[in-house]
Amino acid sequence: MPVIDMSTLKPVGEFGSKAWGEGCSECAIKILEAANLPSDINWAFTEDYTHPPARLMTGGRTRAGYYIMVKNGVVSAGDGVPDESLALPGFHGQVPWAAICNQSAALYGREGQKQRSVDQGLLFTAIGEYVGRSNPFNFPINAAGKPSLMLDPVGPWPKEVGAALGEGGEEGNGLHNIAATLQMDSPEFADLPITDLRVPIFAEMTDQQKADFVKLCGIKI
């Protein structure tokens, strides 16, 4: 049975906000501590959301994002993207806040994740065509020679970590759905055309919406 009771959760903050990141982190710690992880696991999860709205950066915050770290089997997590977590192999994502904000509040399982990836790929491609660049977000080039939002050092999800954080995902639980449930809507997306999984549809935006959205992603034309 999943550790987190979804019925007890409610939105606590916008995507990338301190309150939201701390809420995600608290749940992740509970889940992973209950999993009794092996002491030899050294792995981290970080998400760094660049170009966040100024309202999310009050109180001296320097980065919008959160981390989960397992070092010698000991779990920690919290707001921010500390260097110690970035030094460990794992899942390290760095992407403009606006590019993934709205769709991160969609609830889904494996099939939904696949569809979100498809919808998001169309969004990224359309933005690239709009600005006339194949890598509009200036993602780093990975070992395969392709732009990637994943930063080195990349490391596979330890099976024990993946199983714990993904438990109940097909029934509406799991870390993604927990984070989505804790997320409040952001006003920038209120009037934008979106897919069923809340991904902005760039092709259906007005000219002004396209210009505003590209700017929101931190892209200079």
N, C-alpha and C. Protein backbone atom coordinates (compact mmCIF):
# COMPACT_ATOMS: atom_id res chain seq x y z
N MET A 1 0.85 -1.20 0.00
CA MET A 1 0.00 0.00 0.00
C MET A 1 0.88 1.25 0.00
N PRO A 2 0.57 2.24 -0.86
CA PRO A 2 1.37 3.46 -0.91
C PRO A 2 1.45 4.16 0.45
N VAL A 3 2.57 4.79 0.70
CA VAL A 3 2.82 5.47 1.98
C VAL A 3 1.96 6.73 2.12
N ILE A 4 1.78 7.45 1.03
CA ILE A 4 1.06 8.72 1.07
C ILE A 4 -0.42 8.51 0.75
N ASP A 5 -1.27 9.01 1.61
CA ASP A 5 -2.72 8.98 1.39
C ASP A 5 -3.09 10.22 0.58
N MET A 6 -3.44 10.02 -0.68
CA MET A 6 -3.70 11.15 -1.58
C MET A 6 -4.87 12.02 -1.11
N SER A 7 -5.78 11.44 -0.36
CA SER A 7 -6.94 12.21 0.10
C SER A 7 -6.57 13.27 1.11
N THR A 8 -5.35 13.18 1.65
CA THR A 8 -4.91 14.17 2.64
C THR A 8 -4.19 15.35 2.00
N LEU A 9 -3.94 15.27 0.69
CA LEU A 9 -3.15 16.30 0.02
C LEU A 9 -4.05 17.37 -0.60
N LYS A 10 -3.52 18.59 -0.66
CA LYS A 10 -4.20 19.69 -1.33
C LYS A 10 -3.14 20.62 -1.90
N PRO A 11 -3.50 21.47 -2.87
CA PRO A 11 -2.51 22.38 -3.45
C PRO A 11 -1.89 23.28 -2.39
N VAL A 12 -0.56 23.41 -2.46
CA VAL A 12 0.15 24.23 -1.47
C VAL A 12 0.93 25.38 -2.10
N GLY A 13 1.17 25.31 -3.41
CA GLY A 13 1.96 26.36 -4.05
C GLY A 13 2.09 26.12 -5.53
N GLU A 14 2.51 27.13 -6.24
CA GLU A 14 2.72 27.00 -7.69
C GLU A 14 3.91 26.10 -7.99
N PHE A 15 3.93 25.58 -9.19
CA PHE A 15 5.04 24.77 -9.68
C PHE A 15 6.34 25.56 -9.52
N GLY A 16 7.33 24.96 -8.89
CA GLY A 16 8.61 25.62 -8.71
C GLY A 16 8.70 26.52 -7.49
N SER A 17 7.60 26.70 -6.78
CA SER A 17 7.62 27.55 -5.59
C SER A 17 8.28 26.82 -4.43
N LYS A 18 8.69 27.56 -3.42
CA LYS A 18 9.31 26.96 -2.24
C LYS A 18 8.33 26.04 -1.52
N ALA A 19 7.09 26.50 -1.35
CA ALA A 19 6.10 25.69 -0.64
C ALA A 19 5.82 24.39 -1.37
N TRP A 20 5.74 24.45 -2.68
CA TRP A 20 5.47 23.24 -3.47
C TRP A 20 6.66 22.29 -3.41
N GLY A 21 7.87 22.81 -3.58
CA GLY A 21 9.06 21.97 -3.54
C GLY A 21 9.23 21.29 -2.20
N GLU A 22 8.95 22.04 -1.13
CA GLU A 22 9.05 21.45 0.20
C GLU A 22 7.98 20.38 0.42
N GLY A 23 6.78 20.61 -0.13
CA GLY A 23 5.72 19.61 -0.02
C GLY A 23 6.10 18.32 -0.74
N CYS A 24 6.65 18.45 -1.94
CA CYS A 24 7.10 17.27 -2.70
C CYS A 24 8.20 16.54 -1.93
N SER A 25 9.12 17.31 -1.38
CA SER A 25 10.26 16.74 -0.68
C SER A 25 9.83 15.98 0.57
N GLU A 26 8.90 16.55 1.32
CA GLU A 26 8.43 15.89 2.54
C GLU A 26 7.80 14.53 2.22
N CYS A 27 7.03 14.49 1.15
CA CYS A 27 6.40 13.23 0.75
C CYS A 27 7.45 12.23 0.28
N ALA A 28 8.44 12.70 -0.48
CA ALA A 28 9.49 11.81 -0.98
C ALA A 28 10.28 11.20 0.16
N ILE A 29 10.60 12.00 1.18
CA ILE A 29 11.34 11.49 2.33
C ILE A 29 10.53 10.39 3.03
N LYS A 30 9.25 10.63 3.25
CA LYS A 30 8.41 9.62 3.91
C LYS A 30 8.39 8.32 3.12
N ILE A 31 8.25 8.45 1.80
CA ILE A 31 8.17 7.26 0.95
C ILE A 31 9.48 6.47 0.98
N LEU A 32 10.60 7.17 0.80
CA LEU A 32 11.88 6.48 0.70
C LEU A 32 12.38 5.97 2.04
N GLU A 33 12.08 6.66 3.13
CA GLU A 33 12.48 6.14 4.43
C GLU A 33 11.70 4.87 4.77
N ALA A 34 10.45 4.82 4.32
CA ALA A 34 9.65 3.62 4.56
C ALA A 34 10.13 2.43 3.73
N ALA A 35 10.89 2.72 2.67
CA ALA A 35 11.36 1.66 1.78
C ALA A 35 12.59 0.93 2.31
N ASN A 36 13.21 1.46 3.38
CA ASN A 36 14.41 0.82 3.94
C ASN A 36 15.44 0.54 2.86
N LEU A 37 15.93 1.59 2.24
CA LEU A 37 16.84 1.46 1.11
C LEU A 37 18.19 0.87 1.52
N PRO A 38 18.82 0.14 0.61
CA PRO A 38 20.16 -0.39 0.88
C PRO A 38 21.16 0.74 1.15
N SER A 39 22.15 0.46 1.97
CA SER A 39 23.11 1.49 2.37
C SER A 39 24.11 1.85 1.28
N ASP A 40 24.13 1.09 0.19
CA ASP A 40 25.10 1.39 -0.86
C ASP A 40 24.53 2.26 -1.98
N ILE A 41 23.30 2.77 -1.82
CA ILE A 41 22.71 3.62 -2.87
C ILE A 41 23.23 5.05 -2.74
N ASN A 42 23.78 5.56 -3.84
CA ASN A 42 24.21 6.95 -3.94
C ASN A 42 23.65 7.51 -5.24
N TRP A 43 22.63 8.30 -5.12
CA TRP A 43 21.85 8.73 -6.29
C TRP A 43 21.06 9.97 -5.93
N ALA A 44 20.77 10.80 -6.93
CA ALA A 44 20.00 12.02 -6.64
C ALA A 44 19.05 12.35 -7.78
N PHE A 45 18.01 13.05 -7.42
CA PHE A 45 17.03 13.61 -8.36
C PHE A 45 17.04 15.12 -8.15
N THR A 46 17.23 15.87 -9.22
CA THR A 46 17.12 17.33 -9.12
C THR A 46 16.34 17.85 -10.32
N GLU A 47 15.53 18.87 -10.07
CA GLU A 47 14.89 19.59 -11.17
C GLU A 47 15.10 21.08 -10.92
N ASP A 48 15.69 21.72 -11.90
CA ASP A 48 16.05 23.14 -11.83
C ASP A 48 15.24 23.87 -12.89
N TYR A 49 14.29 24.72 -12.45
CA TYR A 49 13.40 25.40 -13.37
C TYR A 49 13.92 26.82 -13.61
N THR A 50 14.46 27.05 -14.80
CA THR A 50 15.06 28.34 -15.11
C THR A 50 14.00 29.35 -15.54
N HIS A 51 14.34 30.62 -15.45
CA HIS A 51 13.47 31.73 -15.85
C HIS A 51 12.11 31.68 -15.15
N PRO A 52 12.10 31.46 -13.84
CA PRO A 52 10.83 31.43 -13.12
C PRO A 52 10.28 32.84 -12.93
N PRO A 53 8.98 33.01 -12.72
CA PRO A 53 8.42 34.33 -12.41
C PRO A 53 9.05 34.87 -11.13
N ALA A 54 9.22 36.18 -11.09
CA ALA A 54 9.88 36.81 -9.94
C ALA A 54 9.16 36.51 -8.63
N ARG A 55 7.84 36.32 -8.69
CA ARG A 55 7.09 36.09 -7.44
C ARG A 55 7.49 34.80 -6.74
N LEU A 56 8.12 33.88 -7.48
CA LEU A 56 8.53 32.61 -6.88
C LEU A 56 9.90 32.69 -6.23
N MET A 57 10.59 33.82 -6.42
CA MET A 57 11.98 33.91 -5.98
C MET A 57 12.17 34.83 -4.78
N THR A 58 11.12 35.11 -4.05
CA THR A 58 11.23 35.96 -2.88
C THR A 58 11.89 35.20 -1.73
N GLY A 59 12.32 35.95 -0.72
CA GLY A 59 12.91 35.32 0.46
C GLY A 59 14.33 34.84 0.26
N GLY A 60 15.02 35.38 -0.74
CA GLY A 60 16.41 35.01 -0.93
C GLY A 60 16.65 33.75 -1.73
N ARG A 61 15.62 33.18 -2.33
CA ARG A 61 15.82 31.99 -3.17
C ARG A 61 16.70 32.33 -4.36
N THR A 62 17.58 31.43 -4.72
CA THR A 62 18.44 31.65 -5.88
C THR A 62 18.10 30.73 -7.04
N ARG A 63 17.39 29.62 -6.76
CA ARG A 63 16.98 28.70 -7.82
C ARG A 63 15.60 28.16 -7.50
N ALA A 64 14.80 28.00 -8.54
CA ALA A 64 13.49 27.38 -8.39
C ALA A 64 13.64 25.91 -8.73
N GLY A 65 13.35 25.06 -7.77
CA GLY A 65 13.50 23.64 -8.00
C GLY A 65 13.58 22.91 -6.69
N TYR A 66 13.68 21.60 -6.77
CA TYR A 66 13.85 20.81 -5.55
C TYR A 66 14.68 19.57 -5.85
N TYR A 67 15.11 18.93 -4.77
CA TYR A 67 15.99 17.76 -4.93
C TYR A 67 15.58 16.64 -4.00
N ILE A 68 15.97 15.43 -4.39
CA ILE A 68 15.88 14.25 -3.55
C ILE A 68 17.24 13.58 -3.64
N MET A 69 17.84 13.29 -2.50
CA MET A 69 19.19 12.71 -2.51
C MET A 69 19.23 11.49 -1.61
N VAL A 70 19.87 10.44 -2.11
CA VAL A 70 20.12 9.25 -1.31
C VAL A 70 21.63 9.04 -1.30
N LYS A 71 22.24 9.26 -0.13
CA LYS A 71 23.69 9.15 -0.02
C LYS A 71 24.03 8.12 1.03
N ASN A 72 24.70 7.05 0.58
CA ASN A 72 24.98 5.90 1.44
C ASN A 72 23.70 5.40 2.10
N GLY A 73 22.62 5.43 1.32
CA GLY A 73 21.34 4.92 1.78
C GLY A 73 20.54 5.88 2.63
N VAL A 74 21.11 7.05 2.95
CA VAL A 74 20.42 8.03 3.79
C VAL A 74 19.67 9.02 2.90
N VAL A 75 18.39 9.23 3.19
CA VAL A 75 17.53 10.06 2.35
C VAL A 75 17.47 11.50 2.86
N SER A 76 17.58 12.45 1.94
CA SER A 76 17.33 13.85 2.24
C SER A 76 16.65 14.47 1.03
N ALA A 77 15.97 15.57 1.24
CA ALA A 77 15.28 16.24 0.15
C ALA A 77 14.90 17.64 0.62
N GLY A 78 14.63 18.54 -0.35
CA GLY A 78 14.25 19.88 0.05
C GLY A 78 14.18 20.84 -1.12
N ASP A 79 13.93 22.08 -0.79
CA ASP A 79 13.88 23.15 -1.78
C ASP A 79 15.29 23.45 -2.28
N GLY A 80 15.40 23.83 -3.55
CA GLY A 80 16.70 24.20 -4.09
C GLY A 80 17.37 23.09 -4.86
N VAL A 81 18.56 23.39 -5.36
CA VAL A 81 19.35 22.42 -6.14
C VAL A 81 20.79 22.48 -5.64
N PRO A 82 21.08 21.86 -4.50
CA PRO A 82 22.42 21.96 -3.91
C PRO A 82 23.48 21.23 -4.72
N ASP A 83 24.70 21.75 -4.66
CA ASP A 83 25.81 21.17 -5.40
C ASP A 83 26.05 19.71 -5.01
N GLU A 84 25.83 19.38 -3.76
CA GLU A 84 26.07 18.01 -3.29
C GLU A 84 25.19 17.02 -4.03
N SER A 85 23.94 17.42 -4.30
CA SER A 85 23.04 16.51 -5.02
C SER A 85 23.41 16.45 -6.50
N LEU A 86 23.82 17.58 -7.06
CA LEU A 86 24.20 17.59 -8.48
C LEU A 86 25.44 16.75 -8.75
N ALA A 87 26.27 16.55 -7.74
CA ALA A 87 27.50 15.78 -7.92
C ALA A 87 27.25 14.29 -8.00
N LEU A 88 26.08 13.85 -7.52
CA LEU A 88 25.77 12.42 -7.56
C LEU A 88 25.14 12.04 -8.90
N PRO A 89 25.41 10.84 -9.41
CA PRO A 89 24.73 10.40 -10.63
C PRO A 89 23.24 10.24 -10.36
N GLY A 90 22.44 10.56 -11.36
CA GLY A 90 21.00 10.43 -11.17
C GLY A 90 20.20 11.12 -12.25
N PHE A 91 19.03 11.60 -11.87
CA PHE A 91 18.11 12.31 -12.76
C PHE A 91 18.28 13.80 -12.46
N HIS A 92 18.94 14.52 -13.36
CA HIS A 92 19.18 15.94 -13.17
C HIS A 92 18.59 16.70 -14.37
N GLY A 93 17.45 17.34 -14.14
CA GLY A 93 16.80 18.07 -15.22
C GLY A 93 16.93 19.57 -15.04
N GLN A 94 17.15 20.26 -16.14
CA GLN A 94 17.19 21.73 -16.12
C GLN A 94 16.41 22.22 -17.33
N VAL A 95 15.33 22.93 -17.07
CA VAL A 95 14.42 23.31 -18.16
C VAL A 95 13.70 24.60 -17.78
N PRO A 96 13.36 25.45 -18.76
CA PRO A 96 12.60 26.66 -18.44
C PRO A 96 11.30 26.34 -17.72
N TRP A 97 11.02 27.11 -16.70
CA TRP A 97 9.82 26.92 -15.88
C TRP A 97 8.56 26.82 -16.73
N ALA A 98 8.37 27.76 -17.65
CA ALA A 98 7.14 27.82 -18.43
C ALA A 98 6.98 26.63 -19.36
N ALA A 99 8.08 25.99 -19.75
CA ALA A 99 8.02 24.90 -20.73
C ALA A 99 7.34 23.66 -20.18
N ILE A 100 7.36 23.48 -18.84
CA ILE A 100 6.76 22.26 -18.28
C ILE A 100 5.82 22.53 -17.11
N CYS A 101 5.62 23.79 -16.76
CA CYS A 101 4.82 24.13 -15.58
C CYS A 101 3.41 23.58 -15.63
N ASN A 102 2.62 23.98 -16.59
CA ASN A 102 1.19 23.69 -16.58
C ASN A 102 0.89 22.21 -16.65
N GLN A 103 1.61 21.49 -17.51
CA GLN A 103 1.35 20.06 -17.68
C GLN A 103 1.79 19.23 -16.47
N SER A 104 2.64 19.80 -15.62
CA SER A 104 3.08 19.07 -14.45
C SER A 104 1.96 18.86 -13.44
N ALA A 105 0.85 19.58 -13.59
CA ALA A 105 -0.29 19.41 -12.70
C ALA A 105 -1.29 18.38 -13.20
N ALA A 106 -1.00 17.75 -14.34
CA ALA A 106 -1.89 16.70 -14.87
C ALA A 106 -1.64 15.39 -14.13
N LEU A 107 -2.71 14.67 -13.83
CA LEU A 107 -2.60 13.38 -13.18
C LEU A 107 -2.58 12.27 -14.23
N TYR A 108 -1.64 11.34 -14.12
CA TYR A 108 -1.57 10.27 -15.12
C TYR A 108 -0.68 9.13 -14.65
N GLY A 109 -0.78 8.02 -15.42
CA GLY A 109 0.07 6.86 -15.24
C GLY A 109 1.03 6.75 -16.42
N ARG A 110 1.44 5.52 -16.76
CA ARG A 110 2.43 5.33 -17.82
C ARG A 110 1.96 5.85 -19.17
N GLU A 111 0.73 5.55 -19.55
CA GLU A 111 0.24 6.00 -20.86
C GLU A 111 0.13 7.51 -20.91
N GLY A 112 -0.29 8.10 -19.82
CA GLY A 112 -0.36 9.56 -19.77
C GLY A 112 1.00 10.20 -19.90
N GLN A 113 2.01 9.57 -19.28
CA GLN A 113 3.37 10.08 -19.40
C GLN A 113 3.85 10.05 -20.84
N LYS A 114 3.52 8.96 -21.53
CA LYS A 114 3.92 8.85 -22.94
C LYS A 114 3.24 9.95 -23.76
N GLN A 115 1.94 10.17 -23.53
CA GLN A 115 1.23 11.19 -24.29
C GLN A 115 1.73 12.59 -23.95
N ARG A 116 2.04 12.83 -22.70
CA ARG A 116 2.60 14.13 -22.34
C ARG A 116 3.90 14.37 -23.10
N SER A 117 4.73 13.34 -23.19
CA SER A 117 6.00 13.48 -23.90
C SER A 117 5.78 13.82 -25.37
N VAL A 118 4.77 13.20 -25.97
CA VAL A 118 4.44 13.50 -27.37
C VAL A 118 3.98 14.95 -27.50
N ASP A 119 3.05 15.35 -26.65
CA ASP A 119 2.51 16.71 -26.70
C ASP A 119 3.62 17.75 -26.45
N GLN A 120 4.48 17.44 -25.50
CA GLN A 120 5.56 18.35 -25.16
C GLN A 120 6.57 18.45 -26.30
N GLY A 121 6.82 17.32 -26.98
CA GLY A 121 7.71 17.34 -28.13
C GLY A 121 7.19 18.25 -29.24
N LEU A 122 5.88 18.22 -29.45
CA LEU A 122 5.27 19.09 -30.45
C LEU A 122 5.42 20.56 -30.05
N LEU A 123 5.26 20.83 -28.75
CA LEU A 123 5.42 22.20 -28.26
C LEU A 123 6.84 22.69 -28.49
N PHE A 124 7.81 21.89 -28.13
CA PHE A 124 9.21 22.30 -28.27
C PHE A 124 9.58 22.49 -29.74
N THR A 125 9.08 21.60 -30.60
CA THR A 125 9.36 21.72 -32.03
C THR A 125 8.76 22.99 -32.60
N ALA A 126 7.52 23.28 -32.21
CA ALA A 126 6.84 24.48 -32.71
C ALA A 126 7.56 25.75 -32.26
N ILE A 127 8.05 25.75 -31.04
CA ILE A 127 8.79 26.92 -30.56
C ILE A 127 10.09 27.08 -31.36
N GLY A 128 10.77 25.96 -31.63
CA GLY A 128 11.99 26.02 -32.43
C GLY A 128 11.74 26.58 -33.81
N GLU A 129 10.63 26.18 -34.43
CA GLU A 129 10.29 26.70 -35.76
C GLU A 129 9.94 28.18 -35.69
N TYR A 130 9.30 28.58 -34.62
CA TYR A 130 8.89 29.98 -34.45
C TYR A 130 10.10 30.90 -34.32
N VAL A 131 11.09 30.47 -33.57
CA VAL A 131 12.28 31.32 -33.35
C VAL A 131 13.39 31.05 -34.36
N GLY A 132 13.20 30.00 -35.17
CA GLY A 132 14.18 29.71 -36.22
C GLY A 132 15.45 29.05 -35.72
N ARG A 133 15.34 28.30 -34.59
CA ARG A 133 16.50 27.59 -34.06
C ARG A 133 16.08 26.20 -33.63
N SER A 134 16.95 25.22 -33.86
CA SER A 134 16.61 23.83 -33.54
C SER A 134 16.71 23.53 -32.05
N ASN A 135 17.42 24.36 -31.32
CA ASN A 135 17.57 24.16 -29.88
C ASN A 135 17.25 25.48 -29.17
N PRO A 136 16.00 25.89 -29.22
CA PRO A 136 15.64 27.22 -28.72
C PRO A 136 15.90 27.43 -27.23
N PHE A 137 15.88 26.34 -26.45
CA PHE A 137 16.11 26.47 -25.01
C PHE A 137 17.59 26.40 -24.64
N ASN A 138 18.44 26.22 -25.67
CA ASN A 138 19.89 26.10 -25.43
C ASN A 138 20.23 24.98 -24.45
N PHE A 139 19.55 23.85 -24.61
CA PHE A 139 19.88 22.69 -23.80
C PHE A 139 21.31 22.25 -24.07
N PRO A 140 22.02 21.73 -23.08
CA PRO A 140 23.36 21.19 -23.32
C PRO A 140 23.32 20.04 -24.32
N ILE A 141 24.41 19.85 -25.04
CA ILE A 141 24.51 18.74 -25.99
C ILE A 141 25.05 17.52 -25.24
N ASN A 142 24.29 16.42 -25.29
CA ASN A 142 24.68 15.22 -24.53
C ASN A 142 25.71 14.38 -25.29
N ALA A 143 26.06 13.25 -24.72
CA ALA A 143 27.07 12.38 -25.32
C ALA A 143 26.67 11.87 -26.69
N ALA A 144 25.37 11.82 -26.95
CA ALA A 144 24.89 11.35 -28.25
C ALA A 144 24.85 12.48 -29.28
N GLY A 145 25.26 13.67 -28.87
CA GLY A 145 25.29 14.81 -29.78
C GLY A 145 23.96 15.50 -29.96
N LYS A 146 23.03 15.28 -29.02
CA LYS A 146 21.71 15.87 -29.13
C LYS A 146 21.43 16.79 -27.94
N PRO A 147 20.63 17.84 -28.16
CA PRO A 147 20.25 18.71 -27.03
C PRO A 147 19.45 17.91 -26.01
N SER A 148 19.72 18.11 -24.74
CA SER A 148 19.02 17.36 -23.71
C SER A 148 18.85 18.21 -22.46
N LEU A 149 17.66 18.13 -21.86
CA LEU A 149 17.43 18.83 -20.60
C LEU A 149 18.05 18.08 -19.43
N MET A 150 18.56 16.87 -19.68
CA MET A 150 19.21 16.09 -18.64
C MET A 150 20.68 16.48 -18.53
N LEU A 151 21.11 16.75 -17.31
CA LEU A 151 22.48 17.14 -17.06
C LEU A 151 23.31 15.96 -16.55
N ASP A 152 24.60 15.98 -16.83
CA ASP A 152 25.50 14.97 -16.27
C ASP A 152 25.76 15.30 -14.80
N PRO A 153 26.06 14.32 -13.95
CA PRO A 153 26.18 12.89 -14.29
C PRO A 153 24.84 12.17 -14.26
N VAL A 154 24.46 11.57 -15.38
CA VAL A 154 23.22 10.82 -15.47
C VAL A 154 23.43 9.43 -14.87
N GLY A 155 22.48 9.00 -14.07
CA GLY A 155 22.56 7.66 -13.48
C GLY A 155 21.19 7.03 -13.46
N PRO A 156 21.09 5.73 -13.68
CA PRO A 156 19.78 5.06 -13.70
C PRO A 156 19.10 5.13 -12.35
N TRP A 157 17.77 5.12 -12.37
CA TRP A 157 17.01 5.07 -11.12
C TRP A 157 17.30 3.74 -10.43
N PRO A 158 17.81 3.74 -9.22
CA PRO A 158 17.93 2.46 -8.49
C PRO A 158 16.55 1.81 -8.40
N LYS A 159 16.50 0.51 -8.59
CA LYS A 159 15.20 -0.17 -8.66
C LYS A 159 14.39 0.04 -7.40
N GLU A 160 15.05 0.08 -6.25
CA GLU A 160 14.33 0.27 -4.99
C GLU A 160 13.72 1.68 -4.91
N VAL A 161 14.44 2.67 -5.41
CA VAL A 161 13.95 4.05 -5.40
C VAL A 161 12.79 4.20 -6.37
N GLY A 162 12.98 3.68 -7.59
CA GLY A 162 11.93 3.78 -8.60
C GLY A 162 10.65 3.08 -8.17
N ALA A 163 10.79 1.90 -7.56
CA ALA A 163 9.61 1.15 -7.12
C ALA A 163 8.86 1.90 -6.03
N ALA A 164 9.61 2.51 -5.10
CA ALA A 164 8.97 3.22 -3.99
C ALA A 164 8.28 4.49 -4.47
N LEU A 165 8.96 5.29 -5.25
CA LEU A 165 8.39 6.56 -5.69
C LEU A 165 7.29 6.37 -6.74
N GLY A 166 7.30 5.23 -7.42
CA GLY A 166 6.29 4.98 -8.43
C GLY A 166 5.12 4.15 -7.96
N GLU A 167 5.15 3.70 -6.71
CA GLU A 167 4.10 2.80 -6.21
C GLU A 167 2.72 3.46 -6.30
N GLY A 168 1.80 2.73 -6.92
CA GLY A 168 0.43 3.23 -7.05
C GLY A 168 0.24 4.24 -8.17
N GLY A 169 1.23 4.40 -9.02
CA GLY A 169 1.15 5.41 -10.07
C GLY A 169 0.00 5.21 -11.04
N GLU A 170 -0.34 3.96 -11.31
CA GLU A 170 -1.45 3.69 -12.23
C GLU A 170 -2.80 3.93 -11.59
N GLU A 171 -2.82 4.02 -10.28
CA GLU A 171 -4.07 4.27 -9.54
C GLU A 171 -4.15 5.69 -9.00
N GLY A 172 -3.23 6.56 -9.45
CA GLY A 172 -3.31 7.96 -9.03
C GLY A 172 -2.38 8.35 -7.91
N ASN A 173 -1.50 7.44 -7.48
CA ASN A 173 -0.53 7.76 -6.45
C ASN A 173 0.84 7.89 -7.11
N GLY A 174 1.91 7.79 -6.36
CA GLY A 174 3.25 7.93 -6.91
C GLY A 174 3.71 9.38 -6.90
N LEU A 175 5.03 9.59 -6.96
CA LEU A 175 5.61 10.93 -6.80
C LEU A 175 5.05 11.94 -7.78
N HIS A 176 4.89 11.55 -9.06
CA HIS A 176 4.39 12.54 -10.02
C HIS A 176 3.01 13.03 -9.62
N ASN A 177 2.10 12.11 -9.33
CA ASN A 177 0.74 12.51 -8.99
C ASN A 177 0.66 13.24 -7.64
N ILE A 178 1.56 12.90 -6.74
CA ILE A 178 1.65 13.64 -5.48
C ILE A 178 2.03 15.09 -5.78
N ALA A 179 3.08 15.28 -6.59
CA ALA A 179 3.53 16.63 -6.94
C ALA A 179 2.44 17.40 -7.68
N ALA A 180 1.73 16.71 -8.58
CA ALA A 180 0.66 17.35 -9.34
C ALA A 180 -0.48 17.80 -8.43
N THR A 181 -0.79 16.99 -7.44
CA THR A 181 -1.87 17.32 -6.51
C THR A 181 -1.50 18.50 -5.62
N LEU A 182 -0.22 18.63 -5.30
CA LEU A 182 0.25 19.74 -4.46
C LEU A 182 0.36 21.06 -5.23
N GLN A 183 0.27 21.00 -6.55
CA GLN A 183 0.50 22.18 -7.40
C GLN A 183 -0.74 23.05 -7.57
N MET A 184 -0.56 24.34 -7.39
CA MET A 184 -1.59 25.33 -7.68
C MET A 184 -1.42 25.83 -9.11
N ASP A 185 -2.51 26.25 -9.75
CA ASP A 185 -2.43 26.79 -11.10
C ASP A 185 -1.66 28.12 -11.11
N SER A 186 -0.98 28.37 -12.23
CA SER A 186 -0.26 29.63 -12.42
C SER A 186 -1.01 30.48 -13.43
N PRO A 187 -1.12 31.78 -13.18
CA PRO A 187 -1.98 32.64 -14.00
C PRO A 187 -1.55 32.77 -15.45
N GLU A 188 -0.27 32.53 -15.73
CA GLU A 188 0.20 32.70 -17.12
C GLU A 188 -0.47 31.75 -18.11
N PHE A 189 -1.08 30.68 -17.62
CA PHE A 189 -1.64 29.66 -18.50
C PHE A 189 -3.17 29.70 -18.58
N ALA A 190 -3.77 30.65 -17.87
CA ALA A 190 -5.23 30.68 -17.74
C ALA A 190 -5.95 30.74 -19.08
N ASP A 191 -5.41 31.47 -20.04
CA ASP A 191 -6.11 31.68 -21.32
C ASP A 191 -5.45 30.98 -22.50
N LEU A 192 -4.46 30.16 -22.24
CA LEU A 192 -3.76 29.50 -23.34
C LEU A 192 -4.48 28.23 -23.79
N PRO A 193 -4.43 27.90 -25.07
CA PRO A 193 -4.97 26.61 -25.53
C PRO A 193 -4.07 25.49 -25.03
N ILE A 194 -4.66 24.42 -24.53
CA ILE A 194 -3.88 23.32 -23.97
C ILE A 194 -4.47 21.98 -24.39
N THR A 195 -3.65 20.94 -24.31
CA THR A 195 -4.09 19.58 -24.60
C THR A 195 -4.82 19.02 -23.39
N ASP A 196 -5.32 17.79 -23.53
CA ASP A 196 -5.99 17.14 -22.41
C ASP A 196 -5.07 16.97 -21.21
N LEU A 197 -3.76 16.91 -21.48
CA LEU A 197 -2.78 16.77 -20.41
C LEU A 197 -2.15 18.11 -20.06
N ARG A 198 -2.82 19.19 -20.43
CA ARG A 198 -2.47 20.55 -20.01
C ARG A 198 -1.22 21.12 -20.68
N VAL A 199 -0.72 20.47 -21.73
CA VAL A 199 0.44 20.99 -22.44
C VAL A 199 -0.01 22.14 -23.34
N PRO A 200 0.62 23.31 -23.28
CA PRO A 200 0.25 24.41 -24.16
C PRO A 200 0.37 24.01 -25.64
N ILE A 201 -0.61 24.44 -26.43
CA ILE A 201 -0.63 24.15 -27.87
C ILE A 201 -0.16 25.42 -28.59
N PHE A 202 1.10 25.44 -28.95
CA PHE A 202 1.70 26.65 -29.52
C PHE A 202 1.02 27.07 -30.81
N ALA A 203 0.69 26.09 -31.66
CA ALA A 203 0.11 26.40 -32.97
C ALA A 203 -1.24 27.09 -32.86
N GLU A 204 -1.94 26.91 -31.75
CA GLU A 204 -3.26 27.50 -31.59
C GLU A 204 -3.24 28.80 -30.80
N MET A 205 -2.05 29.25 -30.41
CA MET A 205 -1.95 30.51 -29.69
C MET A 205 -2.09 31.69 -30.66
N THR A 206 -2.55 32.82 -30.14
CA THR A 206 -2.55 34.05 -30.94
C THR A 206 -1.11 34.52 -31.10
N ASP A 207 -0.90 35.44 -32.00
CA ASP A 207 0.45 35.97 -32.20
C ASP A 207 1.01 36.56 -30.91
N GLN A 208 0.17 37.27 -30.18
CA GLN A 208 0.63 37.86 -28.93
C GLN A 208 0.94 36.80 -27.89
N GLN A 209 0.10 35.76 -27.82
CA GLN A 209 0.36 34.67 -26.88
C GLN A 209 1.67 33.95 -27.20
N LYS A 210 1.94 33.76 -28.49
CA LYS A 210 3.20 33.12 -28.88
C LYS A 210 4.39 33.96 -28.43
N ALA A 211 4.33 35.24 -28.69
CA ALA A 211 5.43 36.13 -28.31
C ALA A 211 5.62 36.15 -26.80
N ASP A 212 4.52 36.20 -26.07
CA ASP A 212 4.59 36.22 -24.61
C ASP A 212 5.13 34.91 -24.05
N PHE A 213 4.70 33.80 -24.64
CA PHE A 213 5.12 32.50 -24.13
C PHE A 213 6.61 32.27 -24.37
N VAL A 214 7.08 32.64 -25.54
CA VAL A 214 8.50 32.49 -25.84
C VAL A 214 9.34 33.32 -24.86
N LYS A 215 8.87 34.53 -24.59
CA LYS A 215 9.57 35.40 -23.62
C LYS A 215 9.55 34.78 -22.23
N LEU A 216 8.41 34.18 -21.86
CA LEU A 216 8.27 33.53 -20.56
C LEU A 216 9.25 32.37 -20.41
N CYS A 217 9.59 31.74 -21.51
CA CYS A 217 10.55 30.63 -21.49
C CYS A 217 11.99 31.13 -21.46
N GLY A 218 12.18 32.44 -21.48
CA GLY A 218 13.54 32.99 -21.43
C GLY A 218 14.25 32.96 -22.76
N ILE A 219 13.51 32.80 -23.85
CA ILE A 219 14.11 32.72 -25.18
C ILE A 219 14.18 34.11 -25.80
N LYS A 220 15.36 34.46 -26.28
CA LYS A 220 15.55 35.74 -26.96
C LYS A 220 15.49 35.52 -28.48
N ILE A 221 14.75 36.37 -29.13
CA ILE A 221 14.62 36.26 -30.59
C ILE A 221 15.54 37.28 -31.27
